[in-house]
């Protein structure tokens, strides 16, 4: 029986498949067709744009173009909570405190959903009528970045207010791309003391910014169409990207060069996820 690789990449595509890759060799070792899913969560009435899990895996959250954010207890049937955003939801992230969800929508609204109070505790609009496409929070909860359809990133310090409310203190406005930013992502804890922000764009590039001063470190050039998603390796040394050119790519964050190309999807590759497991013992 073959051993599962220690570093696994998953990619999802408009061709209705999810592929699992041995990240180091770029070998695809499993393909799942959409109808083969193990379990379905049915309640949203339009495209689901965001999904994530609570740290212990007890529940997950989702955001949809139907204008709602939903919470699903994985140990029970159905949707347990629903929050109305009043506009198509493009992105949802869970604060590291595990008690607040933050959503961004097509009308440019950012909302904090306090799960303990079961209500919206904060609203802000960084740019009126400009869709918030992606949100990312620093691993320690100190920063949040919102990327929009005009290629701009807004950066705030997150300050703890009274009770559970999160306060946003403006820190920086970054004009990162000329086109849409489809994904923004802050680097993980093991990347410290370096802190990076990756921005993936409709201009076919991904840019890596140093959060200390928001200076441009690297521009990743190689994709031939829109870049929809990106994910850092656990130590921040590598970045994987997914593009409408049907490929995913593995990049060195230090050199800005692509190391591997993952080819196999027949339509746009729009999502990627990485599992950096320990090396198997000999």
Protein backbone atom coordinates (compact mmCIF):
# COMPACT_ATOMS: atom_id res chain seq x y z
CA UNK A 1 0.00 0.00 0.00
CA UNK A 2 1.51 3.34 -1.04
CA UNK A 3 2.22 5.89 1.67
CA UNK A 4 0.39 9.20 1.47
CA UNK A 5 2.82 12.04 0.77
CA UNK A 6 3.79 14.24 3.72
CA UNK A 7 3.15 17.49 1.82
CA UNK A 8 -0.22 17.42 0.09
CA UNK A 9 -1.65 20.05 -2.23
CA UNK A 10 -5.35 20.11 -3.10
CA UNK A 11 -6.69 22.11 -6.03
CA UNK A 12 -10.28 22.70 -7.12
CA UNK A 13 -11.42 23.69 -10.59
CA UNK A 14 -14.38 24.71 -12.71
CA UNK A 15 -13.99 21.28 -14.31
CA UNK A 16 -15.86 19.99 -11.23
CA UNK A 17 -12.90 18.07 -9.82
CA UNK A 18 -10.65 18.29 -6.79
CA UNK A 19 -7.14 16.99 -7.34
CA UNK A 20 -4.64 15.91 -4.71
CA UNK A 21 -0.98 16.33 -5.52
CA UNK A 22 2.29 15.19 -4.05
CA UNK A 23 3.52 18.75 -3.68
CA UNK A 24 7.25 18.05 -4.03
CA UNK A 25 7.02 15.97 -7.21
CA UNK A 26 3.88 17.60 -8.73
CA UNK A 27 2.39 14.11 -9.13
CA UNK A 28 -1.41 13.97 -9.02
CA UNK A 29 -2.32 10.87 -7.03
CA UNK A 30 -6.08 11.29 -6.62
CA UNK A 31 -8.95 13.03 -8.40
CA UNK A 32 -12.40 13.44 -6.85
CA UNK A 33 -15.38 14.22 -9.04
CA UNK A 34 -17.89 16.68 -7.60
CA UNK A 35 -20.71 14.09 -7.22
CA UNK A 36 -18.40 11.94 -5.05
CA UNK A 37 -18.54 14.35 -2.09
CA UNK A 38 -19.04 12.65 1.26
CA UNK A 39 -21.49 15.10 2.69
CA UNK A 40 -23.52 18.05 1.46
CA UNK A 41 -24.52 21.18 3.36
CA UNK A 42 -27.57 22.56 1.60
CA UNK A 43 -29.08 25.90 2.54
CA UNK A 44 -27.43 28.66 0.52
CA UNK A 45 -29.39 29.79 -2.52
CA UNK A 46 -26.47 31.20 -4.55
CA UNK A 47 -22.73 30.62 -5.07
CA UNK A 48 -20.76 29.83 -1.91
CA UNK A 49 -17.71 32.12 -1.94
CA UNK A 50 -16.04 31.31 1.40
CA UNK A 51 -15.71 28.29 3.68
CA UNK A 52 -13.59 27.79 6.79
CA UNK A 53 -13.35 25.74 9.96
CA UNK A 54 -13.12 26.46 13.67
CA UNK A 55 -9.74 25.42 15.11
CA UNK A 56 -11.02 22.21 16.72
CA UNK A 57 -13.03 21.25 13.65
CA UNK A 58 -16.34 21.24 15.52
CA UNK A 59 -18.06 23.72 13.21
CA UNK A 60 -17.55 25.49 9.94
CA UNK A 61 -18.69 28.78 8.45
CA UNK A 62 -19.67 29.81 4.95
CA UNK A 63 -20.41 32.98 3.04
CA UNK A 64 -22.51 33.21 -0.09
CA UNK A 65 -23.64 35.50 -2.87
CA UNK A 66 -27.13 34.99 -1.40
CA UNK A 67 -26.08 37.65 1.15
CA UNK A 68 -25.73 35.39 4.17
CA UNK A 69 -23.04 34.05 6.48
CA UNK A 70 -23.91 30.67 7.96
CA UNK A 71 -22.52 28.50 10.75
CA UNK A 72 -22.74 24.72 10.58
CA UNK A 73 -22.17 22.39 13.53
CA UNK A 74 -20.44 19.38 12.00
CA UNK A 75 -21.85 17.17 14.76
CA UNK A 76 -25.47 18.05 13.99
CA UNK A 77 -27.63 18.33 10.88
CA UNK A 78 -28.50 21.61 9.21
CA UNK A 79 -27.39 25.21 9.60
CA UNK A 80 -27.32 26.46 13.22
CA UNK A 81 -26.93 30.21 12.66
CA UNK A 82 -27.44 32.68 9.85
CA UNK A 83 -26.36 36.32 9.56
CA UNK A 84 -27.76 38.70 6.92
CA UNK A 85 -25.20 40.86 5.14
CA UNK A 86 -27.73 42.47 2.76
CA UNK A 87 -25.29 42.11 -0.16
CA UNK A 88 -23.45 39.26 -1.86
CA UNK A 89 -20.75 37.97 0.51
CA UNK A 90 -17.36 37.49 -1.18
CA UNK A 91 -15.14 36.61 1.76
CA UNK A 92 -15.34 35.47 5.39
CA UNK A 93 -12.52 34.90 7.89
CA UNK A 94 -12.49 33.68 11.47
CA UNK A 95 -10.61 35.79 14.03
CA UNK A 96 -7.92 33.77 15.88
CA UNK A 97 -9.97 34.26 19.05
CA UNK A 98 -12.50 31.87 17.46
CA UNK A 99 -15.41 34.07 18.60
CA UNK A 100 -15.73 36.57 15.76
CA UNK A 101 -16.34 36.16 12.04
CA UNK A 102 -15.48 39.02 9.69
CA UNK A 103 -17.17 39.27 6.29
CA UNK A 104 -16.70 41.44 3.20
CA UNK A 105 -19.39 41.96 0.57
CA UNK A 106 -20.07 43.20 -2.93
CA UNK A 107 -21.24 46.62 -1.72
CA UNK A 108 -17.94 47.27 0.07
CA UNK A 109 -19.11 46.52 3.63
CA UNK A 110 -16.97 44.81 6.24
CA UNK A 111 -18.87 43.41 9.20
CA UNK A 112 -17.77 41.75 12.43
CA UNK A 113 -20.15 39.04 13.65
CA UNK A 114 -19.79 38.43 17.39
CA UNK A 115 -20.62 34.77 17.89
CA UNK A 116 -21.05 35.13 21.65
CA UNK A 117 -23.52 38.01 21.37
CA UNK A 118 -24.94 36.49 18.15
CA UNK A 119 -24.99 39.90 16.46
CA UNK A 120 -23.03 42.32 14.29
CA UNK A 121 -20.68 44.28 16.55
CA UNK A 122 -18.90 46.47 14.00
CA UNK A 123 -19.39 47.76 10.44
CA UNK A 124 -17.11 49.79 8.20
CA UNK A 125 -16.88 50.68 4.52
CA UNK A 126 -13.29 51.34 3.38
CA UNK A 127 -14.35 52.43 -0.13
CA UNK A 128 -18.01 53.09 -1.00
CA UNK A 129 -19.50 50.85 -3.71
CA UNK A 130 -16.23 48.99 -4.23
CA UNK A 131 -16.53 45.26 -3.59
CA UNK A 132 -14.39 43.77 -0.82
CA UNK A 133 -12.98 40.69 -2.53
CA UNK A 134 -10.75 39.15 0.14
CA UNK A 135 -9.95 39.47 3.85
CA UNK A 136 -6.99 38.11 5.82
CA UNK A 137 -6.06 38.33 9.51
CA UNK A 138 -2.57 38.03 10.98
CA UNK A 139 -2.12 34.81 12.97
CA UNK A 140 -1.87 36.75 16.26
CA UNK A 141 -4.96 38.88 15.55
CA UNK A 142 -2.93 42.10 15.35
CA UNK A 143 -3.68 43.09 11.73
CA UNK A 144 -6.44 42.70 9.19
CA UNK A 145 -6.22 43.41 5.46
CA UNK A 146 -9.10 43.93 3.04
CA UNK A 147 -8.50 43.77 -0.72
CA UNK A 148 -10.93 45.23 -3.23
CA UNK A 149 -11.92 45.33 -6.88
CA UNK A 150 -9.77 48.42 -7.55
CA UNK A 151 -6.52 46.71 -6.64
CA UNK A 152 -6.31 48.39 -3.25
CA UNK A 153 -5.50 46.84 0.14
CA UNK A 154 -6.67 48.52 3.32
CA UNK A 155 -4.74 47.58 6.45
CA UNK A 156 -5.91 48.07 10.03
CA UNK A 157 -4.56 47.27 13.45
CA UNK A 158 -7.11 45.23 15.37
CA UNK A 159 -7.63 46.58 18.86
CA UNK A 160 -9.69 44.90 21.53
CA UNK A 161 -12.48 47.19 22.65
CA UNK A 162 -15.08 46.90 25.38
CA UNK A 163 -16.39 43.40 25.91
CA UNK A 164 -15.81 41.52 22.63
CA UNK A 165 -16.01 44.26 20.02
CA UNK A 166 -13.07 44.55 17.65
CA UNK A 167 -11.91 48.09 16.81
CA UNK A 168 -10.19 48.89 13.51
CA UNK A 169 -7.34 51.42 13.63
CA UNK A 170 -6.30 52.52 10.10
CA UNK A 171 -2.67 51.66 9.42
CA UNK A 172 -2.00 51.71 5.68
CA UNK A 173 -3.57 51.97 2.23
CA UNK A 174 -1.70 49.99 -0.40
CA UNK A 175 -2.31 50.35 -4.14
CA UNK A 176 -1.12 46.85 -4.97
CA UNK A 177 -2.46 46.13 -8.48
CA UNK A 178 -4.15 47.87 -11.39
CA UNK A 179 -6.73 45.07 -11.70
CA UNK A 180 -8.92 43.21 -9.22
CA UNK A 181 -7.28 41.66 -6.18
CA UNK A 182 -8.88 38.22 -5.96
CA UNK A 183 -7.03 37.01 -2.87
CA UNK A 184 -4.93 38.57 -0.12
CA UNK A 185 -3.11 36.47 2.45
CA UNK A 186 -0.87 37.24 5.45
CA UNK A 187 2.02 34.90 6.21
CA UNK A 188 1.80 32.25 8.98
CA UNK A 189 3.32 32.23 12.46
CA UNK A 190 6.41 30.18 11.59
CA UNK A 191 7.41 32.84 9.06
CA UNK A 192 8.26 35.18 11.96
CA UNK A 193 10.11 37.50 12.43
CA UNK A 194 9.35 38.24 8.78
CA UNK A 195 5.78 39.23 7.98
CA UNK A 196 4.50 39.14 4.42
CA UNK A 197 1.32 39.93 2.55
CA UNK A 198 0.58 38.12 -0.73
CA UNK A 199 -1.87 39.62 -3.23
CA UNK A 200 -3.19 37.64 -6.21
CA UNK A 201 -4.72 39.55 -9.07
CA UNK A 202 -6.61 39.57 -12.34
CA UNK A 203 -3.45 41.15 -13.83
CA UNK A 204 -1.98 37.58 -13.89
CA UNK A 205 0.58 38.33 -11.16
CA UNK A 206 1.02 37.70 -7.46
CA UNK A 207 2.91 40.22 -5.37
CA UNK A 208 4.62 39.66 -2.04
CA UNK A 209 4.84 42.67 0.26
CA UNK A 210 6.87 43.17 3.42
CA UNK A 211 4.35 44.16 6.09
CA UNK A 212 7.05 46.28 7.77
CA UNK A 213 6.54 49.36 5.61
CA UNK A 214 4.51 47.54 2.93
CA UNK A 215 7.37 47.56 0.46
CA UNK A 216 7.23 45.25 -2.56
CA UNK A 217 9.48 42.21 -2.09
CA UNK A 218 8.70 40.08 -5.15
CA UNK A 219 6.38 39.99 -8.17
CA UNK A 220 5.57 36.44 -9.22
CA UNK A 221 5.23 36.28 -13.00
CA UNK A 222 4.30 33.11 -14.88
CA UNK A 223 0.55 32.64 -14.85
CA UNK A 224 -1.19 33.49 -18.11
CA UNK A 225 -4.63 34.37 -16.74
CA UNK A 226 -6.30 35.56 -13.50
CA UNK A 227 -4.82 34.27 -10.24
CA UNK A 228 -7.67 33.34 -7.92
CA UNK A 229 -6.08 31.88 -4.83
CA UNK A 230 -2.81 31.45 -2.96
CA UNK A 231 -1.55 29.68 0.14
CA UNK A 232 1.74 29.91 2.07
CA UNK A 233 3.65 26.89 3.25
CA UNK A 234 3.64 26.57 7.02
CA UNK A 235 7.05 28.27 7.30
CA UNK A 236 6.33 30.92 4.67
CA UNK A 237 9.22 29.77 2.46
CA UNK A 238 6.90 28.84 -0.41
CA UNK A 239 3.68 30.07 -1.95
CA UNK A 240 1.24 28.07 -4.07
CA UNK A 241 -1.08 29.84 -6.49
CA UNK A 242 -4.14 28.81 -8.53
CA UNK A 243 -5.09 30.38 -11.85
CA UNK A 244 -7.63 30.50 -14.65
CA UNK A 245 -4.83 29.20 -16.91
CA UNK A 246 -5.80 25.76 -15.43
CA UNK A 247 -2.56 25.41 -13.45
CA UNK A 248 -1.31 25.78 -9.92
CA UNK A 249 2.28 26.83 -9.28
CA UNK A 250 4.77 26.48 -6.43
CA UNK A 251 6.96 29.53 -5.86
CA UNK A 252 9.96 30.31 -3.68
CA UNK A 253 9.13 33.43 -1.67
CA UNK A 254 12.83 34.28 -1.33
CA UNK A 255 13.67 34.16 -5.06
CA UNK A 256 10.25 34.81 -6.60
CA UNK A 257 10.80 31.94 -9.05
CA UNK A 258 8.37 29.12 -9.77
CA UNK A 259 9.62 25.68 -8.79
CA UNK A 260 6.77 23.38 -9.83
CA UNK A 261 3.76 23.60 -12.14
CA UNK A 262 0.73 21.43 -11.37
CA UNK A 263 -1.05 20.61 -14.63
CA UNK A 264 -4.11 18.40 -14.98
CA UNK A 265 -7.26 20.47 -14.66
CA UNK A 266 -9.21 21.20 -17.85
CA UNK A 267 -10.75 24.50 -16.76
CA UNK A 268 -9.87 27.37 -14.43
CA UNK A 269 -8.17 26.34 -11.18
CA UNK A 270 -9.76 28.62 -8.58
CA UNK A 271 -8.85 27.21 -5.18
CA UNK A 272 -5.83 25.65 -3.49
CA UNK A 273 -5.05 24.26 -0.04
CA UNK A 274 -1.81 22.90 1.39
CA UNK A 275 -1.11 20.39 4.14
CA UNK A 276 2.50 20.48 5.37
CA UNK A 277 2.80 17.27 7.35
CA UNK A 278 5.91 15.97 9.13
CA UNK A 279 8.32 13.90 7.08
CA UNK A 280 7.63 10.16 7.46
CA UNK A 281 10.04 8.43 9.79
CA UNK A 282 12.45 6.00 8.18
